[in-house]
Amino acid sequence: MFGGTLLEGEGILIVAATLSAQGVLDPVRVWLTASTGAWLGHMFWFITGRVIRGRRLALGSADFRARAAQIKRLIEDRPVTAILLLQYLYGLRLVGAVAFGLTEFSRRRFVLYQIVNCLVWAGLIGGVAYLLGGLVTEIFHGGFKWIWMAASAILVALLLRFVGRLQDRIKP
């Protein structure tokens, strides 16, 4: 789980929190591990941004450079808002950390904001997954699991039929 949260860790966190709802993992350890992994990932990419900040990079077209300058101004003008937005917009956490590294934003402030941000992120995402994981577990312990299994079997049969027809059309 730790390795997965170094990257875009929502999926890993959701699985781990669901397992903790089933009693397989400790929820507090899941929260702390996810927070730490996410934070270290942010720090790595922030430092990467700092390393490449002074280098002249080919940033593409003039339009792209203008948009990049706008994003840089947004980060510098409203850093707390930018940190929060980039944390919760899927796929932008690591890009955001690099973008912060490219700015003059204080490393100390970034470290402190990210500690709080990662703790809240892991608590929020993990908490929702924990609650929903517990709910799903309760549902599947009842008779609903047989309905789910039948529906899954029908879906697989339909998918296999579709693939078979598609292969028939492709054959020369």
C-alpha atoms as a PDB file:
ATOM      1  CA  MET A   1       0.000   0.000   0.000  1.00  0.00           C
ATOM      2  CA  PHE A   2       2.819   2.408   0.853  1.00  0.00           C
ATOM      3  CA  GLY A   3       4.323   2.132  -2.628  1.00  0.00           C
ATOM      4  CA  GLY A   4       0.962   2.746  -4.285  1.00  0.00           C
ATOM      5  CA  THR A   5       0.301   5.900  -2.310  1.00  0.00           C
ATOM      6  CA  LEU A   6       3.656   7.333  -3.368  1.00  0.00           C
ATOM      7  CA  LEU A   7       1.960   7.684  -6.737  1.00  0.00           C
ATOM      8  CA  GLU A   8      -1.716   8.421  -7.330  1.00  0.00           C
ATOM      9  CA  GLY A   9      -2.885   6.352  -4.372  1.00  0.00           C
ATOM     10  CA  GLU A  10      -6.677   6.638  -4.281  1.00  0.00           C
ATOM     11  CA  GLY A  11      -7.250   3.146  -5.655  1.00  0.00           C
ATOM     12  CA  ILE A  12      -4.761   1.556  -3.265  1.00  0.00           C
ATOM     13  CA  LEU A  13      -6.202   3.494  -0.328  1.00  0.00           C
ATOM     14  CA  ILE A  14      -9.755   2.449  -1.205  1.00  0.00           C
ATOM     15  CA  VAL A  15      -8.770  -1.228  -1.337  1.00  0.00           C
ATOM     16  CA  ALA A  16      -6.820  -0.999   1.937  1.00  0.00           C
ATOM     17  CA  ALA A  17      -9.653   0.839   3.705  1.00  0.00           C
ATOM     18  CA  THR A  18     -12.157  -1.733   2.475  1.00  0.00           C
ATOM     19  CA  LEU A  19      -9.912  -4.492   3.831  1.00  0.00           C
ATOM     20  CA  SER A  20      -9.704  -2.649   7.139  1.00  0.00           C
ATOM     21  CA  ALA A  21     -13.518  -2.533   7.260  1.00  0.00           C
ATOM     22  CA  GLN A  22     -13.428  -6.326   6.984  1.00  0.00           C
ATOM     23  CA  GLY A  23     -10.925  -6.573   9.835  1.00  0.00           C
ATOM     24  CA  VAL A  24      -7.972  -7.612   7.665  1.00  0.00           C
ATOM     25  CA  LEU A  25      -5.977  -4.392   8.172  1.00  0.00           C
ATOM     26  CA  ASP A  26      -5.811  -1.870  11.006  1.00  0.00           C
ATOM     27  CA  PRO A  27      -7.638   1.345   9.950  1.00  0.00           C
ATOM     28  CA  VAL A  28      -5.266   3.657  11.825  1.00  0.00           C
ATOM     29  CA  ARG A  29      -2.245   2.067  10.176  1.00  0.00           C
ATOM     30  CA  VAL A  30      -3.936   2.328   6.782  1.00  0.00           C
ATOM     31  CA  TRP A  31      -4.554   6.055   7.396  1.00  0.00           C
ATOM     32  CA  LEU A  32      -1.009   6.735   8.592  1.00  0.00           C
ATOM     33  CA  THR A  33       0.626   4.643   5.867  1.00  0.00           C
ATOM     34  CA  ALA A  34      -1.418   6.289   3.120  1.00  0.00           C
ATOM     35  CA  SER A  35      -0.732   9.766   4.528  1.00  0.00           C
ATOM     36  CA  THR A  36       2.993   9.112   4.767  1.00  0.00           C
ATOM     37  CA  GLY A  37       3.228   7.576   1.299  1.00  0.00           C
ATOM     38  CA  ALA A  38       1.300  10.434  -0.291  1.00  0.00           C
ATOM     39  CA  TRP A  39       3.379  13.020   1.557  1.00  0.00           C
ATOM     40  CA  LEU A  40       6.688  11.447   0.544  1.00  0.00           C
ATOM     41  CA  GLY A  41       5.475  11.259  -3.056  1.00  0.00           C
ATOM     42  CA  HIS A  42       4.615  14.947  -2.974  1.00  0.00           C
ATOM     43  CA  MET A  43       8.002  15.803  -1.517  1.00  0.00           C
ATOM     44  CA  PHE A  44       9.824  13.793  -4.192  1.00  0.00           C
ATOM     45  CA  TRP A  45       7.983  15.555  -7.011  1.00  0.00           C
ATOM     46  CA  PHE A  46       8.289  18.980  -5.355  1.00  0.00           C
ATOM     47  CA  ILE A  47      12.066  18.492  -5.133  1.00  0.00           C
ATOM     48  CA  THR A  48      12.085  17.301  -8.747  1.00  0.00           C
ATOM     49  CA  GLY A  49      10.394  20.580  -9.681  1.00  0.00           C
ATOM     50  CA  ARG A  50      13.031  22.483  -7.727  1.00  0.00           C
ATOM     51  CA  VAL A  51      15.842  20.639  -9.509  1.00  0.00           C
ATOM     52  CA  ILE A  52      14.490  21.428 -12.975  1.00  0.00           C
ATOM     53  CA  ARG A  53      13.295  24.936 -12.072  1.00  0.00           C
ATOM     54  CA  GLY A  54      16.503  26.684 -13.035  1.00  0.00           C
ATOM     55  CA  ARG A  55      16.947  24.842 -16.301  1.00  0.00           C
ATOM     56  CA  ARG A  56      15.653  26.104 -19.583  1.00  0.00           C
ATOM     57  CA  LEU A  57      13.058  23.639 -20.776  1.00  0.00           C
ATOM     58  CA  ALA A  58      11.366  23.458 -24.136  1.00  0.00           C
ATOM     59  CA  LEU A  59       7.797  24.126 -23.057  1.00  0.00           C
ATOM     60  CA  GLY A  60       6.156  23.835 -26.441  1.00  0.00           C
ATOM     61  CA  SER A  61       4.064  26.449 -28.156  1.00  0.00           C
ATOM     62  CA  ALA A  62       3.631  30.046 -27.098  1.00  0.00           C
ATOM     63  CA  ASP A  63       0.026  29.221 -26.108  1.00  0.00           C
ATOM     64  CA  PHE A  64       1.239  26.424 -23.824  1.00  0.00           C
ATOM     65  CA  ARG A  65       3.842  28.710 -22.230  1.00  0.00           C
ATOM     66  CA  ALA A  66       1.161  31.353 -21.626  1.00  0.00           C
ATOM     67  CA  ARG A  67      -1.112  28.806 -19.916  1.00  0.00           C
ATOM     68  CA  ALA A  68       1.806  27.511 -17.838  1.00  0.00           C
ATOM     69  CA  ALA A  69       2.504  31.083 -16.730  1.00  0.00           C
ATOM     70  CA  GLN A  70      -1.162  31.457 -15.707  1.00  0.00           C
ATOM     71  CA  ILE A  71      -1.006  28.298 -13.620  1.00  0.00           C
ATOM     72  CA  LYS A  72       2.218  29.474 -12.016  1.00  0.00           C
ATOM     73  CA  ARG A  73       0.557  32.794 -11.099  1.00  0.00           C
ATOM     74  CA  LEU A  74      -2.444  30.921  -9.644  1.00  0.00           C
ATOM     75  CA  ILE A  75      -0.122  28.826  -7.474  1.00  0.00           C
ATOM     76  CA  GLU A  76       1.814  31.868  -6.326  1.00  0.00           C
ATOM     77  CA  ASP A  77      -1.301  34.019  -5.734  1.00  0.00           C
ATOM     78  CA  ARG A  78      -3.466  31.345  -4.054  1.00  0.00           C
ATOM     79  CA  PRO A  79      -1.185  28.563  -2.852  1.00  0.00           C
ATOM     80  CA  VAL A  80      -3.515  27.025  -0.258  1.00  0.00           C
ATOM     81  CA  THR A  81      -6.378  26.858  -2.754  1.00  0.00           C
ATOM     82  CA  ALA A  82      -4.057  25.376  -5.376  1.00  0.00           C
ATOM     83  CA  ILE A  83      -2.721  22.741  -2.963  1.00  0.00           C
ATOM     84  CA  LEU A  84      -6.257  21.709  -2.019  1.00  0.00           C
ATOM     85  CA  LEU A  85      -7.521  21.646  -5.599  1.00  0.00           C
ATOM     86  CA  LEU A  86      -4.556  19.679  -6.895  1.00  0.00           C
ATOM     87  CA  GLN A  87      -4.901  17.131  -4.081  1.00  0.00           C
ATOM     88  CA  TYR A  88      -8.491  16.238  -4.926  1.00  0.00           C
ATOM     89  CA  LEU A  89      -8.472  16.490  -8.705  1.00  0.00           C
ATOM     90  CA  TYR A  90      -7.608  12.947  -9.729  1.00  0.00           C
ATOM     91  CA  GLY A  91      -4.378  12.673 -11.654  1.00  0.00           C
ATOM     92  CA  LEU A  92      -3.064  16.109 -10.704  1.00  0.00           C
ATOM     93  CA  ARG A  93      -1.482  15.532  -7.291  1.00  0.00           C
ATOM     94  CA  LEU A  94       1.986  14.746  -8.594  1.00  0.00           C
ATOM     95  CA  VAL A  95       1.844  17.246 -11.429  1.00  0.00           C
ATOM     96  CA  GLY A  96       0.809  19.846  -8.880  1.00  0.00           C
ATOM     97  CA  ALA A  97       3.764  19.012  -6.653  1.00  0.00           C
ATOM     98  CA  VAL A  98       6.150  19.489  -9.604  1.00  0.00           C
ATOM     99  CA  ALA A  99       4.392  22.756 -10.453  1.00  0.00           C
ATOM    100  CA  PHE A 100       4.873  23.984  -6.875  1.00  0.00           C
ATOM    101  CA  GLY A 101       8.547  23.043  -7.104  1.00  0.00           C
ATOM    102  CA  LEU A 102       8.872  25.194 -10.214  1.00  0.00           C
ATOM    103  CA  THR A 103       7.657  28.278  -8.320  1.00  0.00           C
ATOM    104  CA  GLU A 104       9.254  30.367  -5.587  1.00  0.00           C
ATOM    105  CA  PHE A 105       6.797  28.920  -3.056  1.00  0.00           C
ATOM    106  CA  SER A 106       8.517  28.227   0.262  1.00  0.00           C
ATOM    107  CA  ARG A 107       9.623  24.629   0.759  1.00  0.00           C
ATOM    108  CA  ARG A 108       8.816  24.860   4.468  1.00  0.00           C
ATOM    109  CA  ARG A 109       5.261  26.023   3.783  1.00  0.00           C
ATOM    110  CA  PHE A 110       4.777  23.312   1.162  1.00  0.00           C
ATOM    111  CA  VAL A 111       5.977  20.642   3.602  1.00  0.00           C
ATOM    112  CA  LEU A 112       3.631  21.837   6.358  1.00  0.00           C
ATOM    113  CA  TYR A 113       0.606  22.300   4.095  1.00  0.00           C
ATOM    114  CA  GLN A 114       1.146  18.867   2.593  1.00  0.00           C
ATOM    115  CA  ILE A 115       1.378  17.154   5.987  1.00  0.00           C
ATOM    116  CA  VAL A 116      -2.066  18.461   6.874  1.00  0.00           C
ATOM    117  CA  ASN A 117      -3.392  17.939   3.361  1.00  0.00           C
ATOM    118  CA  CYS A 118      -2.245  14.305   3.179  1.00  0.00           C
ATOM    119  CA  LEU A 119      -3.626  13.476   6.624  1.00  0.00           C
ATOM    120  CA  VAL A 120      -7.005  14.946   5.674  1.00  0.00           C
ATOM    121  CA  TRP A 121      -6.944  13.282   2.221  1.00  0.00           C
ATOM    122  CA  ALA A 122      -6.192   9.824   3.634  1.00  0.00           C
ATOM    123  CA  GLY A 123      -8.780  10.288   6.381  1.00  0.00           C
ATOM    124  CA  LEU A 124     -11.477  11.433   3.981  1.00  0.00           C
ATOM    125  CA  ILE A 125     -10.908   8.926   1.163  1.00  0.00           C
ATOM    126  CA  GLY A 126     -10.048   6.104   3.556  1.00  0.00           C
ATOM    127  CA  GLY A 127     -12.982   6.903   5.832  1.00  0.00           C
ATOM    128  CA  VAL A 128     -15.517   6.855   3.011  1.00  0.00           C
ATOM    129  CA  ALA A 129     -14.031   3.615   1.647  1.00  0.00           C
ATOM    130  CA  TYR A 130     -14.073   2.112   5.141  1.00  0.00           C
ATOM    131  CA  LEU A 131     -17.759   2.927   5.600  1.00  0.00           C
ATOM    132  CA  LEU A 132     -18.736   1.763   2.115  1.00  0.00           C
ATOM    133  CA  GLY A 133     -16.536  -1.329   2.422  1.00  0.00           C
ATOM    134  CA  GLY A 134     -18.315  -2.264   5.629  1.00  0.00           C
ATOM    135  CA  LEU A 135     -21.687  -1.710   3.984  1.00  0.00           C
ATOM    136  CA  VAL A 136     -20.794  -3.815   0.948  1.00  0.00           C
ATOM    137  CA  THR A 137     -19.456  -6.555   3.210  1.00  0.00           C
ATOM    138  CA  GLU A 138     -22.745  -6.652   5.121  1.00  0.00           C
ATOM    139  CA  ILE A 139     -24.767  -6.745   1.908  1.00  0.00           C
ATOM    140  CA  PHE A 140     -22.742  -9.614   0.453  1.00  0.00           C
ATOM    141  CA  HIS A 141     -23.012 -11.703   3.598  1.00  0.00           C
ATOM    142  CA  GLY A 142     -26.752 -11.927   3.007  1.00  0.00           C
ATOM    143  CA  GLY A 143     -28.723 -13.389   0.126  1.00  0.00           C
ATOM    144  CA  PHE A 144     -27.748 -10.521  -2.141  1.00  0.00           C
ATOM    145  CA  LYS A 145     -24.451 -12.231  -2.917  1.00  0.00           C
ATOM    146  CA  TRP A 146     -26.310 -14.889  -4.959  1.00  0.00           C
ATOM    147  CA  ILE A 147     -28.103 -12.222  -6.994  1.00  0.00           C
ATOM    148  CA  TRP A 148     -24.769 -10.470  -7.554  1.00  0.00           C
ATOM    149  CA  MET A 149     -23.072 -13.698  -8.627  1.00  0.00           C
ATOM    150  CA  ALA A 150     -25.911 -14.502 -11.066  1.00  0.00           C
ATOM    151  CA  ALA A 151     -25.825 -10.994 -12.537  1.00  0.00           C
ATOM    152  CA  SER A 152     -22.024 -11.224 -12.872  1.00  0.00           C
ATOM    153  CA  ALA A 153     -22.297 -14.596 -14.644  1.00  0.00           C
ATOM    154  CA  ILE A 154     -24.852 -13.173 -17.086  1.00  0.00           C
ATOM    155  CA  LEU A 155     -22.638 -10.162 -17.723  1.00  0.00           C
ATOM    156  CA  VAL A 156     -19.611 -12.374 -18.398  1.00  0.00           C
ATOM    157  CA  ALA A 157     -21.677 -14.561 -20.773  1.00  0.00           C
ATOM    158  CA  LEU A 158     -22.862 -11.482 -22.681  1.00  0.00           C
ATOM    159  CA  LEU A 159     -19.315 -10.143 -22.856  1.00  0.00           C
ATOM    160  CA  LEU A 160     -18.008 -13.460 -24.217  1.00  0.00           C
ATOM    161  CA  ARG A 161     -20.811 -13.528 -26.785  1.00  0.00           C
ATOM    162  CA  PHE A 162     -19.963  -9.984 -27.872  1.00  0.00           C
ATOM    163  CA  VAL A 163     -16.259 -10.817 -28.191  1.00  0.00           C
ATOM    164  CA  GLY A 164     -17.109 -13.948 -30.203  1.00  0.00           C
ATOM    165  CA  ARG A 165     -19.246 -11.944 -32.639  1.00  0.00           C
ATOM    166  CA  LEU A 166     -16.566  -9.314 -32.921  1.00  0.00           C
ATOM    167  CA  GLN A 167     -13.972 -11.960 -33.773  1.00  0.00           C
ATOM    168  CA  ASP A 168     -16.301 -13.431 -36.434  1.00  0.00           C
ATOM    169  CA  ARG A 169     -16.504 -10.012 -38.107  1.00  0.00           C
ATOM    170  CA  ILE A 170     -12.740  -9.533 -38.025  1.00  0.00           C
ATOM    171  CA  LYS A 171     -11.862 -12.922 -39.550  1.00  0.00           C
ATOM    172  CA  PRO A 172     -10.937 -12.698 -43.268  1.00  0.00           C
END
